[in-house]
Amino acid sequence: MHTAIGTALAVIVFTSISSVWAHHHHGAIQWQYFTKLTPTILLGAFSGAIITQYLSFDFLRILFAIFEIMVAMIIWFGISASGHADNLNKGVWLIAGYIIGLVSAIVGIGGGTMTTPFLTYNKVDIKNAIATSAAVGMPIAIAGSVGFIMIGTEIEGATSGLGFIHIKALLSIVMTSIFFAPLGAKVAHNINGKRLKKGFALFLLLLGAFVLSF
């Protein structure tokens, strides 16, 4: 499981590059939010990778699934904060960044399923939220990958050659995913905002249900 998560994060390092380029081309990334989240995202992602060796996977799986289902309901019914993201104080950004980085590294995701809901809840347009989440995925993946490389060199059972990152799997996935990431960005920017929001909520709901099923 550690190798699967570590490799997934390493893949995101490469796919996020092509995805960020595509979203930036559309002028959709809100870099001011990226810079507010990144400092503690780096810390959270690295911490998440390190503590995975001490946590129960089943506990994390159930917690993550419940969280995604709850967020799906919030997005679907249009529940949002009273204020805008621009008015959030620095402490909220620091805490949010750490939690996003921590959980994302633990379960091996780029953070889109957490960063996007956080931004949309605070009244950021769904397309801007998705684009910014793609950018946020890079520091999550880099810090998380470093953590999994470190613990993989110390724990018996890491046989991939680079800590808990499986090099052959990484290369085979990256060779195709880097070409499809820009396509996903293009599709997102061509879909009506309301439909995209509903679609994202449905995706989170199905993701939560799927994670609970195994």
N, C-alpha and C. Protein backbone atom coordinates (compact mmCIF):
# COMPACT_ATOMS: atom_id res chain seq x y z
N MET A 1 0.82 -1.21 0.00
CA MET A 1 0.00 0.00 0.00
C MET A 1 0.86 1.26 0.00
N HIS A 2 1.95 1.24 0.79
CA HIS A 2 2.83 2.40 0.81
C HIS A 2 3.40 2.69 -0.58
N THR A 3 3.76 1.63 -1.30
CA THR A 3 4.32 1.80 -2.63
C THR A 3 3.28 2.37 -3.59
N ALA A 4 2.04 1.93 -3.46
CA ALA A 4 0.96 2.44 -4.32
C ALA A 4 0.75 3.93 -4.10
N ILE A 5 0.72 4.34 -2.83
CA ILE A 5 0.50 5.75 -2.50
C ILE A 5 1.69 6.60 -2.94
N GLY A 6 2.89 6.13 -2.62
CA GLY A 6 4.09 6.87 -2.99
C GLY A 6 4.22 7.04 -4.49
N THR A 7 3.92 5.98 -5.23
CA THR A 7 4.00 6.05 -6.69
C THR A 7 2.94 6.98 -7.26
N ALA A 8 1.74 6.93 -6.67
CA ALA A 8 0.65 7.82 -7.12
C ALA A 8 1.05 9.28 -6.97
N LEU A 9 1.68 9.61 -5.85
CA LEU A 9 2.12 10.99 -5.63
C LEU A 9 3.21 11.38 -6.63
N ALA A 10 4.12 10.46 -6.91
CA ALA A 10 5.19 10.74 -7.87
C ALA A 10 4.62 10.99 -9.26
N VAL A 11 3.59 10.24 -9.62
CA VAL A 11 2.93 10.44 -10.91
C VAL A 11 2.35 11.85 -11.01
N ILE A 12 1.76 12.30 -9.90
CA ILE A 12 1.12 13.62 -9.88
C ILE A 12 2.14 14.73 -10.10
N VAL A 13 3.37 14.52 -9.67
CA VAL A 13 4.41 15.53 -9.90
C VAL A 13 4.50 15.85 -11.39
N PHE A 14 4.44 14.82 -12.22
CA PHE A 14 4.59 15.01 -13.66
C PHE A 14 3.29 15.45 -14.33
N THR A 15 2.17 14.83 -13.95
CA THR A 15 0.90 15.20 -14.58
C THR A 15 0.48 16.62 -14.21
N SER A 16 0.84 17.05 -13.02
CA SER A 16 0.46 18.40 -12.60
C SER A 16 1.15 19.46 -13.46
N ILE A 17 2.34 19.15 -13.96
CA ILE A 17 3.06 20.11 -14.80
C ILE A 17 2.27 20.41 -16.07
N SER A 18 1.82 19.36 -16.75
CA SER A 18 1.06 19.56 -17.99
C SER A 18 -0.32 20.14 -17.70
N SER A 19 -0.92 19.73 -16.58
CA SER A 19 -2.23 20.25 -16.21
C SER A 19 -2.17 21.73 -15.86
N VAL A 20 -1.16 22.11 -15.09
CA VAL A 20 -1.00 23.51 -14.70
C VAL A 20 -0.76 24.39 -15.92
N TRP A 21 0.04 23.90 -16.85
CA TRP A 21 0.30 24.68 -18.07
C TRP A 21 -1.00 24.94 -18.81
N ALA A 22 -1.85 23.92 -18.92
CA ALA A 22 -3.11 24.06 -19.65
C ALA A 22 -4.05 25.03 -18.94
N HIS A 23 -4.17 24.90 -17.62
CA HIS A 23 -5.05 25.80 -16.86
C HIS A 23 -4.53 27.23 -16.88
N HIS A 24 -3.21 27.38 -16.80
CA HIS A 24 -2.62 28.72 -16.83
C HIS A 24 -2.86 29.38 -18.19
N HIS A 25 -2.86 28.57 -19.24
CA HIS A 25 -3.13 29.07 -20.59
C HIS A 25 -4.52 29.68 -20.67
N HIS A 26 -5.46 29.13 -19.89
CA HIS A 26 -6.82 29.67 -19.84
C HIS A 26 -6.95 30.81 -18.83
N GLY A 27 -5.87 31.13 -18.14
CA GLY A 27 -5.90 32.21 -17.16
C GLY A 27 -6.77 31.92 -15.96
N ALA A 28 -6.90 30.63 -15.61
CA ALA A 28 -7.85 30.25 -14.57
C ALA A 28 -7.23 30.05 -13.19
N ILE A 29 -5.92 29.88 -13.12
CA ILE A 29 -5.29 29.62 -11.82
C ILE A 29 -5.23 30.91 -11.00
N GLN A 30 -5.73 30.84 -9.79
CA GLN A 30 -5.68 31.97 -8.87
C GLN A 30 -4.41 31.84 -8.03
N TRP A 31 -3.34 32.42 -8.49
CA TRP A 31 -2.04 32.23 -7.86
C TRP A 31 -1.97 32.80 -6.45
N GLN A 32 -2.82 33.78 -6.15
CA GLN A 32 -2.80 34.34 -4.79
C GLN A 32 -3.25 33.30 -3.77
N TYR A 33 -4.18 32.42 -4.16
CA TYR A 33 -4.61 31.35 -3.26
C TYR A 33 -3.54 30.26 -3.17
N PHE A 34 -2.91 30.00 -4.30
CA PHE A 34 -1.82 29.01 -4.33
C PHE A 34 -0.72 29.39 -3.34
N THR A 35 -0.31 30.64 -3.36
CA THR A 35 0.78 31.08 -2.47
C THR A 35 0.37 31.07 -1.00
N LYS A 36 -0.92 31.26 -0.73
CA LYS A 36 -1.38 31.24 0.65
C LYS A 36 -1.44 29.82 1.21
N LEU A 37 -1.72 28.85 0.35
CA LEU A 37 -1.87 27.47 0.79
C LEU A 37 -0.54 26.70 0.82
N THR A 38 0.34 27.02 -0.10
CA THR A 38 1.54 26.20 -0.33
C THR A 38 2.46 26.00 0.87
N PRO A 39 2.78 27.04 1.67
CA PRO A 39 3.73 26.83 2.78
C PRO A 39 3.35 25.68 3.71
N THR A 40 2.11 25.66 4.17
CA THR A 40 1.71 24.59 5.09
C THR A 40 1.30 23.32 4.35
N ILE A 41 0.98 23.43 3.07
CA ILE A 41 0.72 22.23 2.28
C ILE A 41 1.99 21.39 2.19
N LEU A 42 3.12 22.04 1.98
CA LEU A 42 4.40 21.33 1.93
C LEU A 42 4.67 20.60 3.23
N LEU A 43 4.44 21.28 4.33
CA LEU A 43 4.66 20.68 5.65
C LEU A 43 3.68 19.55 5.90
N GLY A 44 2.41 19.77 5.56
CA GLY A 44 1.39 18.75 5.77
C GLY A 44 1.62 17.51 4.93
N ALA A 45 2.00 17.70 3.67
CA ALA A 45 2.22 16.56 2.78
C ALA A 45 3.41 15.73 3.23
N PHE A 46 4.48 16.39 3.63
CA PHE A 46 5.65 15.66 4.12
C PHE A 46 5.30 14.91 5.41
N SER A 47 4.58 15.57 6.30
CA SER A 47 4.16 14.93 7.56
C SER A 47 3.26 13.74 7.29
N GLY A 48 2.34 13.90 6.32
CA GLY A 48 1.43 12.82 5.99
C GLY A 48 2.15 11.58 5.52
N ALA A 49 3.17 11.77 4.68
CA ALA A 49 3.94 10.63 4.19
C ALA A 49 4.65 9.92 5.34
N ILE A 50 5.19 10.68 6.26
CA ILE A 50 5.94 10.09 7.37
C ILE A 50 5.03 9.30 8.31
N ILE A 51 3.85 9.85 8.61
CA ILE A 51 2.99 9.19 9.62
C ILE A 51 2.17 8.04 9.05
N THR A 52 2.20 7.82 7.73
CA THR A 52 1.45 6.69 7.18
C THR A 52 1.91 5.36 7.76
N GLN A 53 3.16 5.31 8.17
CA GLN A 53 3.70 4.06 8.72
C GLN A 53 3.12 3.74 10.10
N TYR A 54 2.42 4.70 10.70
CA TYR A 54 1.87 4.49 12.04
C TYR A 54 0.34 4.42 12.07
N LEU A 55 -0.32 4.64 10.93
CA LEU A 55 -1.78 4.74 10.92
C LEU A 55 -2.42 3.52 10.27
N SER A 56 -3.64 3.23 10.71
CA SER A 56 -4.42 2.14 10.13
C SER A 56 -5.01 2.59 8.80
N PHE A 57 -4.78 1.82 7.75
CA PHE A 57 -5.30 2.19 6.45
C PHE A 57 -6.82 2.17 6.43
N ASP A 58 -7.43 1.19 7.10
CA ASP A 58 -8.89 1.10 7.12
C ASP A 58 -9.52 2.32 7.77
N PHE A 59 -8.91 2.79 8.85
CA PHE A 59 -9.42 4.00 9.52
C PHE A 59 -9.35 5.19 8.58
N LEU A 60 -8.23 5.36 7.92
CA LEU A 60 -8.05 6.48 7.00
C LEU A 60 -8.99 6.37 5.81
N ARG A 61 -9.19 5.16 5.33
CA ARG A 61 -10.07 4.93 4.18
C ARG A 61 -11.50 5.36 4.50
N ILE A 62 -12.00 4.94 5.65
CA ILE A 62 -13.36 5.28 6.05
C ILE A 62 -13.51 6.77 6.31
N LEU A 63 -12.52 7.35 6.98
CA LEU A 63 -12.56 8.78 7.27
C LEU A 63 -12.57 9.60 5.98
N PHE A 64 -11.73 9.23 5.03
CA PHE A 64 -11.65 9.94 3.76
C PHE A 64 -12.96 9.81 2.98
N ALA A 65 -13.53 8.60 2.96
CA ALA A 65 -14.76 8.37 2.22
C ALA A 65 -15.92 9.19 2.78
N ILE A 66 -16.04 9.20 4.09
CA ILE A 66 -17.11 9.98 4.73
C ILE A 66 -16.94 11.46 4.44
N PHE A 67 -15.70 11.92 4.49
CA PHE A 67 -15.42 13.33 4.21
C PHE A 67 -15.84 13.69 2.79
N GLU A 68 -15.49 12.85 1.81
CA GLU A 68 -15.82 13.14 0.42
C GLU A 68 -17.32 13.14 0.18
N ILE A 69 -18.03 12.23 0.82
CA ILE A 69 -19.49 12.18 0.67
C ILE A 69 -20.14 13.43 1.25
N MET A 70 -19.65 13.86 2.41
CA MET A 70 -20.18 15.08 3.03
C MET A 70 -19.91 16.30 2.15
N VAL A 71 -18.71 16.39 1.62
CA VAL A 71 -18.36 17.51 0.74
C VAL A 71 -19.21 17.49 -0.52
N ALA A 72 -19.47 16.30 -1.06
CA ALA A 72 -20.31 16.18 -2.25
C ALA A 72 -21.69 16.77 -2.00
N MET A 73 -22.25 16.50 -0.83
CA MET A 73 -23.56 17.03 -0.47
C MET A 73 -23.52 18.56 -0.36
N ILE A 74 -22.46 19.07 0.22
CA ILE A 74 -22.32 20.53 0.39
C ILE A 74 -22.26 21.21 -0.98
N ILE A 75 -21.48 20.65 -1.89
CA ILE A 75 -21.35 21.24 -3.22
C ILE A 75 -22.65 21.10 -4.01
N TRP A 76 -23.27 19.93 -3.94
CA TRP A 76 -24.50 19.66 -4.70
C TRP A 76 -25.61 20.64 -4.32
N PHE A 77 -25.76 20.89 -3.02
CA PHE A 77 -26.83 21.76 -2.55
C PHE A 77 -26.41 23.24 -2.47
N GLY A 78 -25.20 23.53 -2.92
CA GLY A 78 -24.78 24.92 -3.01
C GLY A 78 -24.54 25.61 -1.68
N ILE A 79 -24.18 24.85 -0.66
CA ILE A 79 -23.91 25.44 0.65
C ILE A 79 -22.54 26.11 0.61
N SER A 80 -22.46 27.34 1.09
CA SER A 80 -21.19 28.06 1.04
C SER A 80 -21.03 28.95 2.27
N ALA A 81 -19.82 29.44 2.45
CA ALA A 81 -19.53 30.32 3.57
C ALA A 81 -20.18 31.68 3.34
N SER A 82 -20.31 32.45 4.40
CA SER A 82 -20.93 33.77 4.28
C SER A 82 -20.01 34.77 3.61
N GLY A 83 -18.69 34.55 3.74
CA GLY A 83 -17.72 35.46 3.14
C GLY A 83 -17.00 34.84 1.96
N HIS A 84 -16.12 35.63 1.34
CA HIS A 84 -15.35 35.16 0.17
C HIS A 84 -13.94 34.78 0.60
N ALA A 85 -13.31 33.93 -0.21
CA ALA A 85 -11.94 33.48 0.08
C ALA A 85 -10.98 34.65 0.23
N ASP A 86 -11.22 35.73 -0.49
CA ASP A 86 -10.34 36.90 -0.41
C ASP A 86 -10.30 37.51 0.98
N ASN A 87 -11.35 37.24 1.77
CA ASN A 87 -11.45 37.86 3.09
C ASN A 87 -11.04 36.93 4.23
N LEU A 88 -10.59 35.73 3.90
CA LEU A 88 -10.16 34.79 4.95
C LEU A 88 -8.85 35.27 5.57
N ASN A 89 -8.73 35.09 6.89
CA ASN A 89 -7.48 35.52 7.53
C ASN A 89 -6.37 34.48 7.29
N LYS A 90 -5.16 34.87 7.57
CA LYS A 90 -3.99 34.05 7.29
C LYS A 90 -4.04 32.71 8.02
N GLY A 91 -4.56 32.71 9.24
CA GLY A 91 -4.63 31.48 10.02
C GLY A 91 -5.46 30.40 9.35
N VAL A 92 -6.57 30.80 8.73
CA VAL A 92 -7.44 29.84 8.04
C VAL A 92 -6.70 29.19 6.88
N TRP A 93 -5.97 30.00 6.12
CA TRP A 93 -5.20 29.47 4.99
C TRP A 93 -4.12 28.50 5.46
N LEU A 94 -3.46 28.84 6.55
CA LEU A 94 -2.39 27.98 7.07
C LEU A 94 -2.93 26.64 7.55
N ILE A 95 -4.05 26.68 8.27
CA ILE A 95 -4.66 25.45 8.77
C ILE A 95 -5.19 24.61 7.62
N ALA A 96 -5.89 25.26 6.69
CA ALA A 96 -6.45 24.55 5.54
C ALA A 96 -5.34 23.90 4.72
N GLY A 97 -4.26 24.63 4.50
CA GLY A 97 -3.15 24.09 3.73
C GLY A 97 -2.54 22.86 4.37
N TYR A 98 -2.37 22.91 5.68
CA TYR A 98 -1.77 21.77 6.38
C TYR A 98 -2.68 20.54 6.30
N ILE A 99 -3.97 20.73 6.52
CA ILE A 99 -4.91 19.61 6.49
C ILE A 99 -4.98 19.02 5.08
N ILE A 100 -5.06 19.88 4.08
CA ILE A 100 -5.11 19.41 2.69
C ILE A 100 -3.85 18.61 2.35
N GLY A 101 -2.70 19.13 2.70
CA GLY A 101 -1.45 18.43 2.42
C GLY A 101 -1.34 17.13 3.18
N LEU A 102 -1.71 17.14 4.45
CA LEU A 102 -1.62 15.96 5.30
C LEU A 102 -2.47 14.82 4.77
N VAL A 103 -3.75 15.08 4.57
CA VAL A 103 -4.67 14.03 4.12
C VAL A 103 -4.34 13.57 2.71
N SER A 104 -3.99 14.50 1.84
CA SER A 104 -3.67 14.16 0.45
C SER A 104 -2.49 13.20 0.36
N ALA A 105 -1.46 13.46 1.15
CA ALA A 105 -0.28 12.59 1.14
C ALA A 105 -0.59 11.22 1.74
N ILE A 106 -1.43 11.20 2.75
CA ILE A 106 -1.77 9.93 3.40
C ILE A 106 -2.52 9.00 2.46
N VAL A 107 -3.43 9.56 1.66
CA VAL A 107 -4.25 8.72 0.78
C VAL A 107 -3.77 8.72 -0.66
N GLY A 108 -2.72 9.50 -0.96
CA GLY A 108 -2.12 9.46 -2.29
C GLY A 108 -2.87 10.19 -3.38
N ILE A 109 -3.35 11.40 -3.08
CA ILE A 109 -4.06 12.20 -4.08
C ILE A 109 -3.38 13.56 -4.23
N GLY A 110 -3.72 14.25 -5.31
CA GLY A 110 -3.12 15.54 -5.57
C GLY A 110 -3.75 16.69 -4.82
N GLY A 111 -4.83 16.43 -4.14
CA GLY A 111 -5.46 17.47 -3.34
C GLY A 111 -6.68 18.10 -3.97
N GLY A 112 -6.96 17.76 -5.23
CA GLY A 112 -8.11 18.35 -5.91
C GLY A 112 -9.43 18.06 -5.23
N THR A 113 -9.55 16.87 -4.65
CA THR A 113 -10.79 16.50 -3.98
C THR A 113 -10.93 17.16 -2.62
N MET A 114 -9.91 17.91 -2.21
CA MET A 114 -10.00 18.67 -0.97
C MET A 114 -9.86 20.17 -1.21
N THR A 115 -8.91 20.55 -2.06
CA THR A 115 -8.69 21.97 -2.33
C THR A 115 -9.87 22.59 -3.07
N THR A 116 -10.39 21.89 -4.07
CA THR A 116 -11.52 22.42 -4.83
C THR A 116 -12.74 22.67 -3.94
N PRO A 117 -13.14 21.71 -3.10
CA PRO A 117 -14.27 21.97 -2.20
C PRO A 117 -14.01 23.13 -1.24
N PHE A 118 -12.79 23.23 -0.73
CA PHE A 118 -12.45 24.33 0.18
C PHE A 118 -12.63 25.67 -0.51
N LEU A 119 -12.16 25.78 -1.74
CA LEU A 119 -12.26 27.04 -2.47
C LEU A 119 -13.69 27.36 -2.89
N THR A 120 -14.41 26.35 -3.39
CA THR A 120 -15.79 26.61 -3.81
C THR A 120 -16.68 26.94 -2.62
N TYR A 121 -16.41 26.32 -1.48
CA TYR A 121 -17.17 26.65 -0.27
C TYR A 121 -16.99 28.12 0.09
N ASN A 122 -15.81 28.64 -0.20
CA ASN A 122 -15.52 30.05 0.07
C ASN A 122 -15.74 30.93 -1.16
N LYS A 123 -16.68 30.48 -2.01
CA LYS A 123 -17.22 31.27 -3.11
C LYS A 123 -16.23 31.58 -4.23
N VAL A 124 -15.29 30.69 -4.44
CA VAL A 124 -14.41 30.80 -5.61
C VAL A 124 -15.08 30.04 -6.76
N ASP A 125 -15.09 30.61 -7.95
CA ASP A 125 -15.70 29.96 -9.11
C ASP A 125 -15.13 28.56 -9.30
N ILE A 126 -15.99 27.62 -9.67
CA ILE A 126 -15.60 26.22 -9.76
C ILE A 126 -14.44 26.01 -10.74
N LYS A 127 -14.44 26.72 -11.86
CA LYS A 127 -13.35 26.55 -12.83
C LYS A 127 -12.03 27.07 -12.29
N ASN A 128 -12.09 28.19 -11.59
CA ASN A 128 -10.88 28.72 -10.95
C ASN A 128 -10.41 27.81 -9.83
N ALA A 129 -11.37 27.23 -9.10
CA ALA A 129 -11.03 26.33 -8.00
C ALA A 129 -10.33 25.08 -8.50
N ILE A 130 -10.85 24.49 -9.58
CA ILE A 130 -10.24 23.29 -10.15
C ILE A 130 -8.84 23.60 -10.68
N ALA A 131 -8.69 24.73 -11.36
CA ALA A 131 -7.39 25.11 -11.91
C ALA A 131 -6.37 25.35 -10.80
N THR A 132 -6.79 26.04 -9.75
CA THR A 132 -5.90 26.32 -8.63
C THR A 132 -5.53 25.03 -7.91
N SER A 133 -6.48 24.12 -7.81
CA SER A 133 -6.22 22.82 -7.17
C SER A 133 -5.17 22.03 -7.95
N ALA A 134 -5.20 22.16 -9.27
CA ALA A 134 -4.20 21.48 -10.10
C ALA A 134 -2.80 22.00 -9.78
N ALA A 135 -2.70 23.32 -9.58
CA ALA A 135 -1.41 23.91 -9.22
C ALA A 135 -0.97 23.47 -7.84
N VAL A 136 -1.91 23.41 -6.91
CA VAL A 136 -1.62 22.99 -5.54
C VAL A 136 -1.14 21.54 -5.49
N GLY A 137 -1.59 20.75 -6.46
CA GLY A 137 -1.19 19.35 -6.49
C GLY A 137 0.30 19.14 -6.62
N MET A 138 1.00 20.09 -7.22
CA MET A 138 2.44 19.92 -7.42
C MET A 138 3.22 19.93 -6.10
N PRO A 139 3.06 20.95 -5.23
CA PRO A 139 3.79 20.90 -3.95
C PRO A 139 3.37 19.73 -3.07
N ILE A 140 2.10 19.33 -3.14
CA ILE A 140 1.65 18.16 -2.39
C ILE A 140 2.42 16.93 -2.85
N ALA A 141 2.47 16.74 -4.16
CA ALA A 141 3.12 15.56 -4.73
C ALA A 141 4.62 15.54 -4.47
N ILE A 142 5.26 16.70 -4.59
CA ILE A 142 6.71 16.76 -4.38
C ILE A 142 7.06 16.44 -2.93
N ALA A 143 6.40 17.13 -1.99
CA ALA A 143 6.70 16.90 -0.57
C ALA A 143 6.34 15.49 -0.15
N GLY A 144 5.19 15.00 -0.62
CA GLY A 144 4.77 13.65 -0.28
C GLY A 144 5.71 12.60 -0.84
N SER A 145 6.15 12.79 -2.07
CA SER A 145 7.07 11.84 -2.70
C SER A 145 8.39 11.78 -1.94
N VAL A 146 8.90 12.93 -1.54
CA VAL A 146 10.14 12.97 -0.77
C VAL A 146 9.98 12.18 0.53
N GLY A 147 8.83 12.35 1.18
CA GLY A 147 8.57 11.63 2.42
C GLY A 147 8.53 10.12 2.21
N PHE A 148 7.88 9.68 1.13
CA PHE A 148 7.79 8.24 0.87
C PHE A 148 9.12 7.65 0.43
N ILE A 149 9.95 8.45 -0.20
CA ILE A 149 11.30 7.98 -0.53
C ILE A 149 12.10 7.77 0.75
N MET A 150 11.96 8.71 1.68
CA MET A 150 12.71 8.64 2.94
C MET A 150 12.30 7.44 3.78
N ILE A 151 10.99 7.26 3.98
CA ILE A 151 10.57 6.14 4.84
C ILE A 151 10.77 4.81 4.13
N GLY A 152 10.74 4.83 2.80
CA GLY A 152 10.94 3.60 2.04
C GLY A 152 12.35 3.07 2.12
N THR A 153 13.30 3.95 2.36
CA THR A 153 14.68 3.51 2.49
C THR A 153 14.97 2.92 3.86
N GLU A 154 14.05 3.12 4.79
CA GLU A 154 14.26 2.67 6.16
C GLU A 154 13.42 1.47 6.55
N ILE A 155 12.31 1.24 5.81
CA ILE A 155 11.39 0.17 6.16
C ILE A 155 11.60 -1.04 5.26
N GLU A 156 11.71 -2.18 5.87
CA GLU A 156 11.88 -3.42 5.11
C GLU A 156 10.63 -3.69 4.30
N GLY A 157 10.78 -4.03 3.06
CA GLY A 157 9.63 -4.31 2.20
C GLY A 157 9.51 -3.34 1.05
N ALA A 158 10.27 -2.27 1.10
CA ALA A 158 10.28 -1.32 -0.01
C ALA A 158 11.26 -1.83 -1.05
N THR A 159 10.76 -2.39 -2.13
CA THR A 159 11.62 -3.07 -3.10
C THR A 159 11.62 -2.39 -4.47
N SER A 160 11.09 -1.22 -4.55
CA SER A 160 10.93 -0.57 -5.85
C SER A 160 12.20 0.08 -6.35
N GLY A 161 13.19 0.29 -5.49
CA GLY A 161 14.43 0.88 -5.92
C GLY A 161 14.59 2.34 -5.54
N LEU A 162 13.48 3.04 -5.28
CA LEU A 162 13.55 4.44 -4.86
C LEU A 162 12.56 4.64 -3.72
N GLY A 163 12.93 4.11 -2.56
CA GLY A 163 12.01 4.18 -1.43
C GLY A 163 10.71 3.47 -1.76
N PHE A 164 9.59 4.14 -1.47
CA PHE A 164 8.28 3.56 -1.77
C PHE A 164 7.73 4.05 -3.10
N ILE A 165 8.59 4.34 -4.05
CA ILE A 165 8.15 4.72 -5.40
C ILE A 165 8.59 3.65 -6.39
N HIS A 166 7.63 3.07 -7.09
CA HIS A 166 7.91 2.01 -8.05
C HIS A 166 8.23 2.66 -9.40
N ILE A 167 9.48 2.62 -9.77
CA ILE A 167 9.96 3.35 -10.94
C ILE A 167 9.29 2.89 -12.24
N LYS A 168 9.18 1.58 -12.46
CA LYS A 168 8.59 1.08 -13.70
C LYS A 168 7.12 1.49 -13.82
N ALA A 169 6.39 1.38 -12.71
CA ALA A 169 4.98 1.79 -12.72
C ALA A 169 4.86 3.29 -12.95
N LEU A 170 5.74 4.04 -12.32
CA LEU A 170 5.74 5.50 -12.48
C LEU A 170 5.91 5.89 -13.95
N LEU A 171 6.90 5.32 -14.60
CA LEU A 171 7.18 5.68 -15.98
C LEU A 171 6.06 5.27 -16.92
N SER A 172 5.50 4.09 -16.71
CA SER A 172 4.44 3.61 -17.60
C SER A 172 3.17 4.45 -17.48
N ILE A 173 2.86 4.91 -16.28
CA ILE A 173 1.67 5.74 -16.08
C ILE A 173 1.89 7.15 -16.61
N VAL A 174 3.05 7.71 -16.31
CA VAL A 174 3.35 9.09 -16.71
C VAL A 174 3.35 9.24 -18.23
N MET A 175 3.80 8.22 -18.94
CA MET A 175 3.90 8.29 -20.40
C MET A 175 2.56 8.58 -21.06
N THR A 176 1.47 8.17 -20.43
CA THR A 176 0.14 8.43 -21.00
C THR A 176 -0.59 9.57 -20.29
N SER A 177 -0.45 9.63 -18.97
CA SER A 177 -1.24 10.60 -18.20
C SER A 177 -0.87 12.05 -18.50
N ILE A 178 0.38 12.31 -18.84
CA ILE A 178 0.78 13.70 -19.10
C ILE A 178 0.11 14.24 -20.37
N PHE A 179 -0.35 13.35 -21.24
CA PHE A 179 -1.04 13.79 -22.46
C PHE A 179 -2.53 14.01 -22.22
N PHE A 180 -3.10 13.29 -21.25
CA PHE A 180 -4.52 13.41 -20.98
C PHE A 180 -4.85 14.52 -20.00
N ALA A 181 -3.88 14.93 -19.18
CA ALA A 181 -4.12 15.99 -18.20
C ALA A 181 -4.56 17.30 -18.87
N PRO A 182 -3.88 17.76 -19.94
CA PRO A 182 -4.34 18.98 -20.61
C PRO A 182 -5.73 18.83 -21.22
N LEU A 183 -6.06 17.62 -21.67
CA LEU A 183 -7.39 17.37 -22.22
C LEU A 183 -8.46 17.57 -21.15
N GLY A 184 -8.17 17.08 -19.96
CA GLY A 184 -9.11 17.27 -18.85
C GLY A 184 -9.31 18.73 -18.54
N ALA A 185 -8.23 19.50 -18.58
CA ALA A 185 -8.33 20.94 -18.33
C ALA A 185 -9.18 21.62 -19.40
N LYS A 186 -8.99 21.22 -20.65
CA LYS A 186 -9.76 21.80 -21.75
C LYS A 186 -11.24 21.51 -21.61
N VAL A 187 -11.57 20.27 -21.25
CA VAL A 187 -12.97 19.89 -21.06
C VAL A 187 -13.60 20.70 -19.94
N ALA A 188 -12.85 20.86 -18.84
CA ALA A 188 -13.37 21.60 -17.68
C ALA A 188 -13.73 23.03 -18.05
N HIS A 189 -12.95 23.64 -18.92
CA HIS A 189 -13.19 25.04 -19.28
C HIS A 189 -14.26 25.20 -20.36
N ASN A 190 -14.68 24.09 -20.96
CA ASN A 190 -15.72 24.14 -21.99
C ASN A 190 -17.09 23.73 -21.47
N ILE A 191 -17.15 23.35 -20.20
CA ILE A 191 -18.41 22.93 -19.60
C ILE A 191 -19.02 24.08 -18.81
N ASN A 192 -20.33 24.19 -18.86
CA ASN A 192 -21.04 25.19 -18.08
C ASN A 192 -20.69 25.06 -16.60
N GLY A 193 -20.47 26.20 -15.92
CA GLY A 193 -20.03 26.19 -14.53
C GLY A 193 -20.94 25.40 -13.60
N LYS A 194 -22.26 25.56 -13.75
CA LYS A 194 -23.20 24.86 -12.88
C LYS A 194 -23.15 23.35 -13.12
N ARG A 195 -23.06 22.97 -14.38
CA ARG A 195 -22.97 21.54 -14.70
C ARG A 195 -21.66 20.96 -14.19
N LEU A 196 -20.60 21.73 -14.31
CA LEU A 196 -19.29 21.27 -13.83
C LEU A 196 -19.33 21.06 -12.32
N LYS A 197 -19.99 21.96 -11.63
CA LYS A 197 -20.09 21.87 -10.17
C LYS A 197 -20.88 20.63 -9.76
N LYS A 198 -22.01 20.39 -10.44
CA LYS A 198 -22.82 19.21 -10.15
C LYS A 198 -22.04 17.94 -10.50
N GLY A 199 -21.33 17.98 -11.61
CA GLY A 199 -20.55 16.82 -12.01
C GLY A 199 -19.44 16.51 -11.02
N PHE A 200 -18.82 17.55 -10.50
CA PHE A 200 -17.75 17.35 -9.51
C PHE A 200 -18.32 16.78 -8.23
N ALA A 201 -19.50 17.27 -7.83
CA ALA A 201 -20.15 16.74 -6.62
C ALA A 201 -20.48 15.26 -6.79
N LEU A 202 -20.97 14.90 -7.97
CA LEU A 202 -21.30 13.51 -8.25
C LEU A 202 -20.04 12.65 -8.23
N PHE A 203 -18.96 13.18 -8.77
CA PHE A 203 -17.68 12.47 -8.76
C PHE A 203 -17.22 12.18 -7.34
N LEU A 204 -17.31 13.19 -6.46
CA LEU A 204 -16.91 13.01 -5.07
C LEU A 204 -17.78 11.98 -4.37
N LEU A 205 -19.08 12.01 -4.67
CA LEU A 205 -20.01 11.05 -4.07
C LEU A 205 -19.65 9.62 -4.48
N LEU A 206 -19.41 9.43 -5.76
CA LEU A 206 -19.03 8.10 -6.26
C LEU A 206 -17.68 7.67 -5.72
N LEU A 207 -16.76 8.62 -5.62
CA LEU A 207 -15.44 8.31 -5.06
C LEU A 207 -15.55 7.84 -3.63
N GLY A 208 -16.34 8.56 -2.83
CA GLY A 208 -16.54 8.17 -1.43
C GLY A 208 -17.15 6.80 -1.31
N ALA A 209 -18.17 6.53 -2.14
CA ALA A 209 -18.83 5.23 -2.11
C ALA A 209 -17.87 4.12 -2.54
N PHE A 210 -17.05 4.40 -3.54
CA PHE A 210 -16.09 3.40 -4.02
C PHE A 210 -15.05 3.07 -2.95
N VAL A 211 -14.53 4.11 -2.30
CA VAL A 211 -13.52 3.90 -1.25
C VAL A 211 -14.10 3.09 -0.10
N LEU A 212 -15.37 3.32 0.23
CA LEU A 212 -16.01 2.56 1.30
C LEU A 212 -16.22 1.10 0.92
N SER A 213 -16.28 0.82 -0.38
CA SER A 213 -16.62 -0.53 -0.83
C SER A 213 -15.48 -1.54 -0.77
N PHE A 214 -14.23 -1.05 -0.60
CA PHE A 214 -13.12 -2.03 -0.60
C PHE A 214 -12.40 -2.06 0.73
